């Protein structure tokens, strides 16, 4: 048998990413509008946090 070079942490992260991708894909197929809402919220939160960090940095 070939020796595995990935450590278990990397494998666990890949497994988690795969499962999350399937779950999110199904949610988007069931409720397509949730994608637009999620992207909009992400952009708003990212923009607000970025502005806050720029104005309150040392």
C-alpha atoms as a PDB file:
ATOM      1  CA  UNK A   1       0.000   0.000   0.000  1.00  0.00           C
ATOM      2  CA  UNK A   2       1.273   3.488  -0.771  1.00  0.00           C
ATOM      3  CA  UNK A   3       2.150   5.607   2.215  1.00  0.00           C
ATOM      4  CA  UNK A   4      -0.239   8.485   2.967  1.00  0.00           C
ATOM      5  CA  UNK A   5       1.505  11.856   2.990  1.00  0.00           C
ATOM      6  CA  UNK A   6      -1.474  13.923   4.177  1.00  0.00           C
ATOM      7  CA  UNK A   7      -1.798  14.400   7.888  1.00  0.00           C
ATOM      8  CA  UNK A   8      -5.167  13.764   9.504  1.00  0.00           C
ATOM      9  CA  UNK A   9      -5.831  17.500  10.034  1.00  0.00           C
ATOM     10  CA  UNK A  10      -5.580  18.171   6.291  1.00  0.00           C
ATOM     11  CA  UNK A  11      -7.830  15.209   5.508  1.00  0.00           C
ATOM     12  CA  UNK A  12     -10.404  16.329   8.071  1.00  0.00           C
ATOM     13  CA  UNK A  13     -10.428  19.835   6.582  1.00  0.00           C
ATOM     14  CA  UNK A  14     -10.907  18.456   3.073  1.00  0.00           C
ATOM     15  CA  UNK A  15     -13.740  16.219   4.263  1.00  0.00           C
ATOM     16  CA  UNK A  16     -15.420  19.125   6.041  1.00  0.00           C
ATOM     17  CA  UNK A  17     -15.085  21.338   2.962  1.00  0.00           C
ATOM     18  CA  UNK A  18     -16.652  18.651   0.762  1.00  0.00           C
ATOM     19  CA  UNK A  19     -19.594  18.118   3.106  1.00  0.00           C
ATOM     20  CA  UNK A  20     -20.185  21.860   3.501  1.00  0.00           C
ATOM     21  CA  UNK A  21     -20.091  22.306  -0.280  1.00  0.00           C
ATOM     22  CA  UNK A  22     -22.767  19.651  -0.748  1.00  0.00           C
ATOM     23  CA  UNK A  23     -24.980  21.127   1.988  1.00  0.00           C
ATOM     24  CA  UNK A  24     -24.649  24.692   0.685  1.00  0.00           C
ATOM     25  CA  UNK A  25     -25.268  23.503  -2.880  1.00  0.00           C
ATOM     26  CA  UNK A  26     -28.488  21.784  -1.833  1.00  0.00           C
ATOM     27  CA  UNK A  27     -29.666  24.832   0.109  1.00  0.00           C
ATOM     28  CA  UNK A  28     -29.046  27.057  -2.922  1.00  0.00           C
ATOM     29  CA  UNK A  29     -30.959  24.632  -5.158  1.00  0.00           C
ATOM     30  CA  UNK A  30     -33.904  24.614  -2.753  1.00  0.00           C
ATOM     31  CA  UNK A  31     -33.890  28.365  -2.022  1.00  0.00           C
ATOM     32  CA  UNK A  32     -32.126  30.202  -4.898  1.00  0.00           C
ATOM     33  CA  UNK A  33     -32.794  33.631  -3.384  1.00  0.00           C
ATOM     34  CA  UNK A  34     -30.686  32.755  -0.361  1.00  0.00           C
ATOM     35  CA  UNK A  35     -27.564  33.011  -2.542  1.00  0.00           C
ATOM     36  CA  UNK A  36     -28.232  36.669  -3.329  1.00  0.00           C
ATOM     37  CA  UNK A  37     -29.025  37.423   0.311  1.00  0.00           C
ATOM     38  CA  UNK A  38     -25.893  35.635   1.524  1.00  0.00           C
ATOM     39  CA  UNK A  39     -23.623  37.386  -0.977  1.00  0.00           C
ATOM     40  CA  UNK A  40     -25.178  40.753  -0.159  1.00  0.00           C
ATOM     41  CA  UNK A  41     -24.725  40.264   3.583  1.00  0.00           C
ATOM     42  CA  UNK A  42     -21.158  39.061   3.083  1.00  0.00           C
ATOM     43  CA  UNK A  43     -20.286  42.132   1.018  1.00  0.00           C
ATOM     44  CA  UNK A  44     -21.927  44.514   3.499  1.00  0.00           C
ATOM     45  CA  UNK A  45     -20.208  42.971   6.518  1.00  0.00           C
ATOM     46  CA  UNK A  46     -16.843  42.788   4.761  1.00  0.00           C
ATOM     47  CA  UNK A  47     -17.075  46.417   3.659  1.00  0.00           C
ATOM     48  CA  UNK A  48     -18.107  47.673   7.100  1.00  0.00           C
ATOM     49  CA  UNK A  49     -15.343  45.714   8.846  1.00  0.00           C
ATOM     50  CA  UNK A  50     -12.757  46.923   6.331  1.00  0.00           C
ATOM     51  CA  UNK A  51     -13.754  50.562   6.802  1.00  0.00           C
ATOM     52  CA  UNK A  52     -13.733  50.124  10.586  1.00  0.00           C
ATOM     53  CA  UNK A  53     -10.247  48.560  10.541  1.00  0.00           C
ATOM     54  CA  UNK A  54      -8.862  51.317   8.288  1.00  0.00           C
ATOM     55  CA  UNK A  55     -10.260  54.111  10.460  1.00  0.00           C
ATOM     56  CA  UNK A  56      -9.348  52.534  13.811  1.00  0.00           C
ATOM     57  CA  UNK A  57      -5.910  51.137  13.061  1.00  0.00           C
ATOM     58  CA  UNK A  58      -2.917  52.292  15.052  1.00  0.00           C
END
